PDB file of all heavy atoms in Angstrom:
ATOM      1  N   SER A   1     105.860 253.610  41.840  1.00  0.00           N
ATOM      2  CA  SER A   1     104.680 252.946  41.284  1.00  0.00           C
ATOM      3  C   SER A   1     103.450 253.787  41.592  1.00  0.00           C
ATOM      4  O   SER A   1     103.392 254.455  42.633  1.00  0.00           O
ATOM      5  CB  SER A   1     104.526 251.538  41.875  1.00  0.00           C
ATOM      6  OG  SER A   1     104.263 251.591  43.252  1.00  0.00           O
ATOM      7  N   PRO A   2     102.449 253.801  40.702  1.00  0.00           N
ATOM      8  CA  PRO A   2     101.283 254.683  40.878  1.00  0.00           C
ATOM      9  C   PRO A   2     100.536 254.416  42.193  1.00  0.00           C
ATOM     10  O   PRO A   2     100.516 253.293  42.704  1.00  0.00           O
ATOM     11  CB  PRO A   2     100.406 254.351  39.673  1.00  0.00           C
ATOM     12  CG  PRO A   2     101.330 253.752  38.670  1.00  0.00           C
ATOM     13  CD  PRO A   2     102.375 253.026  39.458  1.00  0.00           C
ATOM     14  N   LEU A   3      99.930 255.454  42.689  1.00  0.00           N
ATOM     15  CA  LEU A   3      99.072 255.337  43.869  1.00  0.00           C
ATOM     16  C   LEU A   3      97.695 254.886  43.406  1.00  0.00           C
ATOM     17  O   LEU A   3      97.109 255.459  42.491  1.00  0.00           O
ATOM     18  CB  LEU A   3      98.988 256.687  44.591  1.00  0.00           C
ATOM     19  CG  LEU A   3     100.289 257.090  45.296  1.00  0.00           C
ATOM     20  CD1 LEU A   3     100.416 258.590  45.360  1.00  0.00           C
ATOM     21  CD2 LEU A   3     100.339 256.484  46.679  1.00  0.00           C
ATOM     22  N   GLU A   4      97.186 253.837  44.042  1.00  0.00           N
ATOM     23  CA  GLU A   4      95.914 253.287  43.603  1.00  0.00           C
ATOM     24  C   GLU A   4      95.218 252.580  44.767  1.00  0.00           C
ATOM     25  O   GLU A   4      95.820 252.337  45.823  1.00  0.00           O
ATOM     26  CB  GLU A   4      96.117 252.300  42.436  1.00  0.00           C
ATOM     27  CG  GLU A   4      97.091 251.197  42.746  1.00  0.00           C
ATOM     28  CD  GLU A   4      97.447 250.342  41.540  1.00  0.00           C
ATOM     29  OE1 GLU A   4      97.189 250.758  40.402  1.00  0.00           O
ATOM     30  OE2 GLU A   4      97.984 249.233  41.755  1.00  0.00           O
ATOM     31  N   GLY A   5      93.961 252.236  44.534  1.00  0.00           N
ATOM     32  CA  GLY A   5      93.204 251.484  45.544  1.00  0.00           C
ATOM     33  C   GLY A   5      92.388 252.328  46.489  1.00  0.00           C
ATOM     34  O   GLY A   5      91.626 251.791  47.304  1.00  0.00           O
ATOM     35  N   GLY A   6      92.525 253.635  46.412  1.00  0.00           N
ATOM     36  CA  GLY A   6      91.750 254.493  47.317  1.00  0.00           C
ATOM     37  C   GLY A   6      90.275 254.477  46.955  1.00  0.00           C
ATOM     38  O   GLY A   6      89.920 254.586  45.772  1.00  0.00           O
ATOM     39  N   ALA A   7      89.427 254.321  47.931  1.00  0.00           N
ATOM     40  CA  ALA A   7      87.983 254.305  47.683  1.00  0.00           C
ATOM     41  C   ALA A   7      87.234 254.618  48.977  1.00  0.00           C
ATOM     42  O   ALA A   7      87.718 254.338  50.079  1.00  0.00           O
ATOM     43  CB  ALA A   7      87.555 252.952  47.135  1.00  0.00           C
ATOM     44  N   ALA A   8      86.033 255.175  48.807  1.00  0.00           N
ATOM     45  CA  ALA A   8      85.175 255.485  49.966  1.00  0.00           C
ATOM     46  C   ALA A   8      83.731 255.419  49.521  1.00  0.00           C
ATOM     47  O   ALA A   8      83.382 255.837  48.417  1.00  0.00           O
ATOM     48  CB  ALA A   8      85.516 256.854  50.527  1.00  0.00           C
ATOM     49  N   GLY A   9      82.869 254.832  50.368  1.00  0.00           N
ATOM     50  CA  GLY A   9      81.468 254.725  50.039  1.00  0.00           C
ATOM     51  C   GLY A   9      81.136 253.389  49.407  1.00  0.00           C
ATOM     52  O   GLY A   9      81.854 252.385  49.552  1.00  0.00           O
ATOM     53  N   LEU A  10      80.026 253.348  48.633  1.00  0.00           N
ATOM     54  CA  LEU A  10      79.584 252.117  47.988  1.00  0.00           C
ATOM     55  C   LEU A  10      80.376 251.896  46.700  1.00  0.00           C
ATOM     56  O   LEU A  10      80.346 252.722  45.792  1.00  0.00           O
ATOM     57  CB  LEU A  10      78.094 252.190  47.670  1.00  0.00           C
ATOM     58  CG  LEU A  10      77.488 250.941  47.020  1.00  0.00           C
ATOM     59  CD1 LEU A  10      77.580 249.746  47.955  1.00  0.00           C
ATOM     60  CD2 LEU A  10      76.054 251.215  46.599  1.00  0.00           C
ATOM     61  N   VAL A  11      81.041 250.775  46.642  1.00  0.00           N
ATOM     62  CA  VAL A  11      81.848 250.429  45.459  1.00  0.00           C
ATOM     63  C   VAL A  11      81.600 248.969  45.113  1.00  0.00           C
ATOM     64  O   VAL A  11      80.985 248.222  45.882  1.00  0.00           O
ATOM     65  CB  VAL A  11      83.350 250.658  45.717  1.00  0.00           C
ATOM     66  CG1 VAL A  11      83.660 252.128  45.964  1.00  0.00           C
ATOM     67  CG2 VAL A  11      83.825 249.783  46.880  1.00  0.00           C
ATOM     68  N   TYR A  12      82.117 248.563  43.964  1.00  0.00           N
ATOM     69  CA  TYR A  12      82.057 247.165  43.540  1.00  0.00           C
ATOM     70  C   TYR A  12      83.453 246.556  43.679  1.00  0.00           C
ATOM     71  O   TYR A  12      84.453 247.162  43.280  1.00  0.00           O
ATOM     72  CB  TYR A  12      81.568 247.048  42.107  1.00  0.00           C
ATOM     73  CG  TYR A  12      80.116 247.392  41.938  1.00  0.00           C
ATOM     74  CD1 TYR A  12      79.723 248.706  41.679  1.00  0.00           C
ATOM     75  CD2 TYR A  12      79.140 246.408  42.058  1.00  0.00           C
ATOM     76  CE1 TYR A  12      78.386 249.018  41.528  1.00  0.00           C
ATOM     77  CE2 TYR A  12      77.796 246.722  41.910  1.00  0.00           C
ATOM     78  CZ  TYR A  12      77.420 248.022  41.651  1.00  0.00           C
ATOM     79  OH  TYR A  12      76.093 248.344  41.517  1.00  0.00           O
ATOM     80  N   THR A  13      83.497 245.353  44.225  1.00  0.00           N
ATOM     81  CA  THR A  13      84.765 244.637  44.406  1.00  0.00           C
ATOM     82  C   THR A  13      84.647 243.251  43.782  1.00  0.00           C
ATOM     83  O   THR A  13      83.531 242.739  43.578  1.00  0.00           O
ATOM     84  CB  THR A  13      85.110 244.499  45.893  1.00  0.00           C
ATOM     85  OG1 THR A  13      84.105 243.706  46.536  1.00  0.00           O
ATOM     86  CG2 THR A  13      85.208 245.857  46.555  1.00  0.00           C
ATOM     87  N   PRO A  14      85.779 242.578  43.502  1.00  0.00           N
ATOM     88  CA  PRO A  14      85.713 241.238  42.901  1.00  0.00           C
ATOM     89  C   PRO A  14      85.171 240.208  43.882  1.00  0.00           C
ATOM     90  O   PRO A  14      85.615 240.132  45.031  1.00  0.00           O
ATOM     91  CB  PRO A  14      87.169 240.943  42.545  1.00  0.00           C
ATOM     92  CG  PRO A  14      87.853 242.248  42.558  1.00  0.00           C
ATOM     93  CD  PRO A  14      87.152 243.088  43.574  1.00  0.00           C
ATOM     94  N   SER A  15      84.232 239.420  43.415  1.00  0.00           N
ATOM     95  CA  SER A  15      83.745 238.285  44.190  1.00  0.00           C
ATOM     96  C   SER A  15      84.653 237.080  43.937  1.00  0.00           C
ATOM     97  O   SER A  15      85.608 237.157  43.147  1.00  0.00           O
ATOM     98  CB  SER A  15      82.311 237.957  43.784  1.00  0.00           C
ATOM     99  OG  SER A  15      82.280 237.542  42.432  1.00  0.00           O
ATOM    100  N   VAL A  16      84.349 235.961  44.564  1.00  0.00           N
ATOM    101  CA  VAL A  16      85.146 234.744  44.354  1.00  0.00           C
ATOM    102  C   VAL A  16      85.089 234.318  42.893  1.00  0.00           C
ATOM    103  O   VAL A  16      86.098 233.941  42.289  1.00  0.00           O
ATOM    104  CB  VAL A  16      84.643 233.615  45.277  1.00  0.00           C
ATOM    105  CG1 VAL A  16      85.387 232.322  44.978  1.00  0.00           C
ATOM    106  CG2 VAL A  16      84.825 233.990  46.741  1.00  0.00           C
ATOM    107  N   SER A  17      83.904 234.383  42.291  1.00  0.00           N
ATOM    108  CA  SER A  17      83.767 234.012  40.884  1.00  0.00           C
ATOM    109  C   SER A  17      84.489 235.017  39.989  1.00  0.00           C
ATOM    110  O   SER A  17      85.067 234.624  38.949  1.00  0.00           O
ATOM    111  CB  SER A  17      82.300 233.909  40.496  1.00  0.00           C
ATOM    112  OG  SER A  17      81.648 235.159  40.670  1.00  0.00           O
ATOM    113  N   ASP A  18      84.499 236.292  40.380  1.00  0.00           N
ATOM    114  CA  ASP A  18      85.231 237.301  39.598  1.00  0.00           C
ATOM    115  C   ASP A  18      86.734 237.034  39.626  1.00  0.00           C
ATOM    116  O   ASP A  18      87.425 237.191  38.615  1.00  0.00           O
ATOM    117  CB  ASP A  18      84.942 238.702  40.141  1.00  0.00           C
ATOM    118  CG  ASP A  18      83.485 239.102  40.001  1.00  0.00           C
ATOM    119  OD1 ASP A  18      82.810 238.522  39.128  1.00  0.00           O
ATOM    120  OD2 ASP A  18      83.032 239.992  40.753  1.00  0.00           O
ATOM    121  N   ILE A  19      87.222 236.614  40.779  1.00  0.00           N
ATOM    122  CA  ILE A  19      88.654 236.302  40.913  1.00  0.00           C
ATOM    123  C   ILE A  19      89.023 235.130  40.005  1.00  0.00           C
ATOM    124  O   ILE A  19      90.094 235.127  39.384  1.00  0.00           O
ATOM    125  CB  ILE A  19      89.010 235.978  42.382  1.00  0.00           C
ATOM    126  CG1 ILE A  19      88.853 237.231  43.267  1.00  0.00           C
ATOM    127  CG2 ILE A  19      90.427 235.430  42.477  1.00  0.00           C
ATOM    128  CD1 ILE A  19      89.805 238.353  42.915  1.00  0.00           C
ATOM    129  N   ARG A  20      88.128 234.138  39.901  1.00  0.00           N
ATOM    130  CA  ARG A  20      88.399 232.998  39.007  1.00  0.00           C
ATOM    131  C   ARG A  20      88.462 233.450  37.553  1.00  0.00           C
ATOM    132  O   ARG A  20      89.292 232.963  36.773  1.00  0.00           O
ATOM    133  CB  ARG A  20      87.333 231.916  39.197  1.00  0.00           C
ATOM    134  CG  ARG A  20      87.508 231.100  40.465  1.00  0.00           C
ATOM    135  CD  ARG A  20      86.728 229.788  40.380  1.00  0.00           C
ATOM    136  NE  ARG A  20      85.289 230.027  40.343  1.00  0.00           N
ATOM    137  CZ  ARG A  20      84.507 229.993  41.428  1.00  0.00           C
ATOM    138  NH1 ARG A  20      85.033 229.761  42.619  1.00  0.00           N
ATOM    139  NH2 ARG A  20      83.202 230.197  41.310  1.00  0.00           N
ATOM    140  N   ILE A  21      87.602 234.373  37.188  1.00  0.00           N
ATOM    141  CA  ILE A  21      87.614 234.900  35.815  1.00  0.00           C
ATOM    142  C   ILE A  21      88.917 235.641  35.536  1.00  0.00           C
ATOM    143  O   ILE A  21      89.543 235.464  34.477  1.00  0.00           O
ATOM    144  CB  ILE A  21      86.401 235.824  35.598  1.00  0.00           C
ATOM    145  CG1 ILE A  21      85.103 235.015  35.624  1.00  0.00           C
ATOM    146  CG2 ILE A  21      86.538 236.564  34.257  1.00  0.00           C
ATOM    147  CD1 ILE A  21      83.850 235.867  35.584  1.00  0.00           C
ATOM    148  N   ILE A  22      89.326 236.469  36.498  1.00  0.00           N
ATOM    149  CA  ILE A  22      90.597 237.210  36.337  1.00  0.00           C
ATOM    150  C   ILE A  22      91.764 236.235  36.243  1.00  0.00           C
ATOM    151  O   ILE A  22      92.682 236.406  35.428  1.00  0.00           O
ATOM    152  CB  ILE A  22      90.783 238.190  37.508  1.00  0.00           C
ATOM    153  CG1 ILE A  22      89.690 239.259  37.474  1.00  0.00           C
ATOM    154  CG2 ILE A  22      92.165 238.836  37.449  1.00  0.00           C
ATOM    155  CD1 ILE A  22      89.662 240.158  38.702  1.00  0.00           C
ATOM    156  N   ASP A  23      91.732 235.186  37.077  1.00  0.00           N
ATOM    157  CA  ASP A  23      92.799 234.181  37.057  1.00  0.00           C
ATOM    158  C   ASP A  23      92.859 233.476  35.705  1.00  0.00           C
ATOM    159  O   ASP A  23      93.943 233.227  35.165  1.00  0.00           O
ATOM    160  CB  ASP A  23      92.559 233.171  38.180  1.00  0.00           C
ATOM    161  CG  ASP A  23      93.664 232.134  38.271  1.00  0.00           C
ATOM    162  OD1 ASP A  23      94.775 232.496  38.693  1.00  0.00           O
ATOM    163  OD2 ASP A  23      93.414 230.974  37.892  1.00  0.00           O
ATOM    164  N   ASN A  24      91.695 233.163  35.151  1.00  0.00           N
ATOM    165  CA  ASN A  24      91.648 232.501  33.843  1.00  0.00           C
ATOM    166  C   ASN A  24      92.185 233.408  32.740  1.00  0.00           C
ATOM    167  O   ASN A  24      92.913 232.965  31.846  1.00  0.00           O
ATOM    168  CB  ASN A  24      90.209 232.079  33.540  1.00  0.00           C
ATOM    169  CG  ASN A  24      90.101 231.314  32.236  1.00  0.00           C
ATOM    170  OD1 ASN A  24      90.696 230.252  32.073  1.00  0.00           O
ATOM    171  ND2 ASN A  24      89.355 231.870  31.286  1.00  0.00           N
ATOM    172  N   ILE A  25      91.832 234.694  32.801  1.00  0.00           N
ATOM    173  CA  ILE A  25      92.342 235.661  31.809  1.00  0.00           C
ATOM    174  C   ILE A  25      93.863 235.737  31.875  1.00  0.00           C
ATOM    175  O   ILE A  25      94.560 235.724  30.849  1.00  0.00           O
ATOM    176  CB  ILE A  25      91.715 237.046  32.038  1.00  0.00           C
ATOM    177  CG1 ILE A  25      90.219 237.018  31.720  1.00  0.00           C
ATOM    178  CG2 ILE A  25      92.421 238.100  31.186  1.00  0.00           C
ATOM    179  CD1 ILE A  25      89.494 238.289  32.078  1.00  0.00           C
ATOM    180  N   ALA A  26      94.389 235.800  33.094  1.00  0.00           N
ATOM    181  CA  ALA A  26      95.841 235.938  33.273  1.00  0.00           C
ATOM    182  C   ALA A  26      96.590 234.711  32.769  1.00  0.00           C
ATOM    183  O   ALA A  26      97.644 234.828  32.124  1.00  0.00           O
ATOM    184  CB  ALA A  26      96.158 236.181  34.753  1.00  0.00           C
ATOM    185  N   LYS A  27      96.035 233.507  33.026  1.00  0.00           N
ATOM    186  CA  LYS A  27      96.758 232.276  32.700  1.00  0.00           C
ATOM    187  C   LYS A  27      96.527 231.797  31.263  1.00  0.00           C
ATOM    188  O   LYS A  27      97.141 230.804  30.851  1.00  0.00           O
ATOM    189  CB  LYS A  27      96.344 231.171  33.668  1.00  0.00           C
ATOM    190  CG  LYS A  27      96.833 231.417  35.089  1.00  0.00           C
ATOM    191  CD  LYS A  27      96.421 230.281  36.024  1.00  0.00           C
ATOM    192  CE  LYS A  27      96.968 230.500  37.427  1.00  0.00           C
ATOM    193  NZ  LYS A  27      96.562 229.424  38.362  1.00  0.00           N
ATOM    194  N   THR A  28      95.651 232.464  30.538  1.00  0.00           N
ATOM    195  CA  THR A  28      95.401 232.074  29.144  1.00  0.00           C
ATOM    196  C   THR A  28      95.883 233.161  28.186  1.00  0.00           C
ATOM    197  O   THR A  28      97.008 233.094  27.685  1.00  0.00           O
ATOM    198  CB  THR A  28      93.916 231.769  28.923  1.00  0.00           C
ATOM    199  OG1 THR A  28      93.129 232.897  29.334  1.00  0.00           O
ATOM    200  CG2 THR A  28      93.488 230.543  29.713  1.00  0.00           C
ATOM    201  N   SER A  29      95.040 234.134  27.937  1.00  0.00           N
ATOM    202  CA  SER A  29      95.376 235.144  26.928  1.00  0.00           C
ATOM    203  C   SER A  29      96.616 235.946  27.292  1.00  0.00           C
ATOM    204  O   SER A  29      97.482 236.194  26.446  1.00  0.00           O
ATOM    205  CB  SER A  29      94.187 236.081  26.705  1.00  0.00           C
ATOM    206  OG  SER A  29      93.868 236.777  27.888  1.00  0.00           O
ATOM    207  N   PHE A  30      96.734 236.348  28.556  1.00  0.00           N
ATOM    208  CA  PHE A  30      97.894 237.148  28.954  1.00  0.00           C
ATOM    209  C   PHE A  30      99.179 236.325  28.887  1.00  0.00           C
ATOM    210  O   PHE A  30     100.210 236.769  28.368  1.00  0.00           O
ATOM    211  CB  PHE A  30      97.667 237.712  30.364  1.00  0.00           C
ATOM    212  CG  PHE A  30      98.734 238.660  30.816  1.00  0.00           C
ATOM    213  CD1 PHE A  30      99.379 239.507  29.927  1.00  0.00           C
ATOM    214  CD2 PHE A  30      99.098 238.720  32.153  1.00  0.00           C
ATOM    215  CE1 PHE A  30     100.356 240.395  30.346  1.00  0.00           C
ATOM    216  CE2 PHE A  30     100.076 239.600  32.588  1.00  0.00           C
ATOM    217  CZ  PHE A  30     100.714 240.436  31.681  1.00  0.00           C
ATOM    218  N   LYS A  31      99.117 235.094  29.409  1.00  0.00           N
ATOM    219  CA  LYS A  31     100.284 234.213  29.354  1.00  0.00           C
ATOM    220  C   LYS A  31     100.667 233.895  27.912  1.00  0.00           C
ATOM    221  O   LYS A  31     101.852 233.856  27.558  1.00  0.00           O
ATOM    222  CB  LYS A  31     100.000 232.933  30.127  1.00  0.00           C
ATOM    223  CG  LYS A  31     101.158 231.950  30.146  1.00  0.00           C
ATOM    224  CD  LYS A  31     100.776 230.688  30.895  1.00  0.00           C
ATOM    225  CE  LYS A  31     101.897 229.663  30.851  1.00  0.00           C
ATOM    226  NZ  LYS A  31     101.522 228.409  31.555  1.00  0.00           N
ATOM    227  N   ASP A  32      99.667 233.644  27.069  1.00  0.00           N
ATOM    228  CA  ASP A  32      99.937 233.339  25.659  1.00  0.00           C
ATOM    229  C   ASP A  32     100.623 234.505  24.964  1.00  0.00           C
ATOM    230  O   ASP A  32     101.512 234.293  24.115  1.00  0.00           O
ATOM    231  CB  ASP A  32      98.631 232.996  24.932  1.00  0.00           C
ATOM    232  CG  ASP A  32      98.057 231.665  25.376  1.00  0.00           C
ATOM    233  OD1 ASP A  32      98.802 230.872  25.971  1.00  0.00           O
ATOM    234  OD2 ASP A  32      96.853 231.429  25.126  1.00  0.00           O
ATOM    235  N   ASP A  33     100.222 235.721  25.294  1.00  0.00           N
ATOM    236  CA  ASP A  33     100.867 236.899  24.706  1.00  0.00           C
ATOM    237  C   ASP A  33     102.349 236.953  25.069  1.00  0.00           C
ATOM    238  O   ASP A  33     103.208 237.235  24.221  1.00  0.00           O
ATOM    239  CB  ASP A  33     100.170 238.175  25.166  1.00  0.00           C
ATOM    240  CG  ASP A  33      98.774 238.324  24.575  1.00  0.00           C
ATOM    241  OD1 ASP A  33      98.481 237.645  23.577  1.00  0.00           O
ATOM    242  OD2 ASP A  33      97.975 239.115  25.124  1.00  0.00           O
ATOM    243  N   LEU A  34     102.650 236.661  26.330  1.00  0.00           N
ATOM    244  CA  LEU A  34     104.054 236.654  26.755  1.00  0.00           C
ATOM    245  C   LEU A  34     104.824 235.517  26.091  1.00  0.00           C
ATOM    246  O   LEU A  34     105.979 235.686  25.682  1.00  0.00           O
ATOM    247  CB  LEU A  34     104.135 236.516  28.280  1.00  0.00           C
ATOM    248  CG  LEU A  34     103.768 237.753  29.104  1.00  0.00           C
ATOM    249  CD1 LEU A  34     103.786 237.421  30.594  1.00  0.00           C
ATOM    250  CD2 LEU A  34     104.716 238.906  28.816  1.00  0.00           C
ATOM    251  N   TYR A  35     104.172 234.352  25.965  1.00  0.00           N
ATOM    252  CA  TYR A  35     104.837 233.195  25.359  1.00  0.00           C
ATOM    253  C   TYR A  35     105.196 233.468  23.897  1.00  0.00           C
ATOM    254  O   TYR A  35     106.271 233.073  23.427  1.00  0.00           O
ATOM    255  CB  TYR A  35     103.933 231.977  25.464  1.00  0.00           C
ATOM    256  CG  TYR A  35     104.551 230.702  24.928  1.00  0.00           C
ATOM    257  CD1 TYR A  35     105.623 230.098  25.574  1.00  0.00           C
ATOM    258  CD2 TYR A  35     104.069 230.108  23.765  1.00  0.00           C
ATOM    259  CE1 TYR A  35     106.199 228.943  25.082  1.00  0.00           C
ATOM    260  CE2 TYR A  35     104.629 228.949  23.265  1.00  0.00           C
ATOM    261  CZ  TYR A  35     105.697 228.366  23.931  1.00  0.00           C
ATOM    262  OH  TYR A  35     106.274 227.220  23.438  1.00  0.00           O
ATOM    263  N   LYS A  36     104.315 234.152  23.175  1.00  0.00           N
ATOM    264  CA  LYS A  36     104.596 234.491  21.775  1.00  0.00           C
ATOM    265  C   LYS A  36     105.799 235.422  21.666  1.00  0.00           C
ATOM    266  O   LYS A  36     106.599 235.314  20.730  1.00  0.00           O
ATOM    267  CB  LYS A  36     103.369 235.125  21.138  1.00  0.00           C
ATOM    268  CG  LYS A  36     102.224 234.144  20.898  1.00  0.00           C
ATOM    269  CD  LYS A  36     100.997 234.842  20.346  1.00  0.00           C
ATOM    270  CE  LYS A  36      99.841 233.853  20.149  1.00  0.00           C
ATOM    271  NZ  LYS A  36      98.617 234.539  19.669  1.00  0.00           N
ATOM    272  N   LYS A  37     105.930 236.332  22.619  1.00  0.00           N
ATOM    273  CA  LYS A  37     107.094 237.223  22.623  1.00  0.00           C
ATOM    274  C   LYS A  37     108.375 236.433  22.855  1.00  0.00           C
ATOM    275  O   LYS A  37     109.411 236.721  22.241  1.00  0.00           O
ATOM    276  CB  LYS A  37     106.928 238.293  23.701  1.00  0.00           C
ATOM    277  CG  LYS A  37     105.853 239.331  23.398  1.00  0.00           C
ATOM    278  CD  LYS A  37     105.814 240.397  24.474  1.00  0.00           C
ATOM    279  CE  LYS A  37     104.764 241.463  24.146  1.00  0.00           C
ATOM    280  NZ  LYS A  37     104.711 242.533  25.182  1.00  0.00           N
ATOM    281  N   VAL A  38     108.308 235.447  23.745  1.00  0.00           N
ATOM    282  CA  VAL A  38     109.490 234.621  24.003  1.00  0.00           C
ATOM    283  C   VAL A  38     109.844 233.803  22.759  1.00  0.00           C
ATOM    284  O   VAL A  38     111.012 233.711  22.379  1.00  0.00           O
ATOM    285  CB  VAL A  38     109.243 233.686  25.207  1.00  0.00           C
ATOM    286  CG1 VAL A  38     110.410 232.718  25.387  1.00  0.00           C
ATOM    287  CG2 VAL A  38     109.043 234.508  26.475  1.00  0.00           C
ATOM    288  N   GLN A  39     108.837 233.197  22.128  1.00  0.00           N
ATOM    289  CA  GLN A  39     109.086 232.402  20.921  1.00  0.00           C
ATOM    290  C   GLN A  39     109.793 233.211  19.844  1.00  0.00           C
ATOM    291  O   GLN A  39     110.676 232.701  19.142  1.00  0.00           O
ATOM    292  CB  GLN A  39     107.765 231.863  20.366  1.00  0.00           C
ATOM    293  CG  GLN A  39     107.228 230.626  21.070  1.00  0.00           C
ATOM    294  CD  GLN A  39     105.979 230.100  20.406  1.00  0.00           C
ATOM    295  OE1 GLN A  39     105.049 230.853  20.109  1.00  0.00           O
ATOM    296  NE2 GLN A  39     105.926 228.802  20.153  1.00  0.00           N
ATOM    297  N   ALA A  40     109.407 234.454  19.691  1.00  0.00           N
ATOM    298  CA  ALA A  40     110.015 235.311  18.664  1.00  0.00           C
ATOM    299  C   ALA A  40     111.449 235.686  19.005  1.00  0.00           C
ATOM    300  O   ALA A  40     112.176 236.174  18.135  1.00  0.00           O
ATOM    301  CB  ALA A  40     109.172 236.569  18.482  1.00  0.00           C
TER     302      ALA A  40
END
């Protein structure tokens, strides 16, 4: 699996509200895309 996550210095990270947005994206549009594949 790719190497990732390395960082040094000033960076931007997900806040609590950002995590909720990511969670909503995953459980709606991403999940729906997978569900359509299963239906087919």
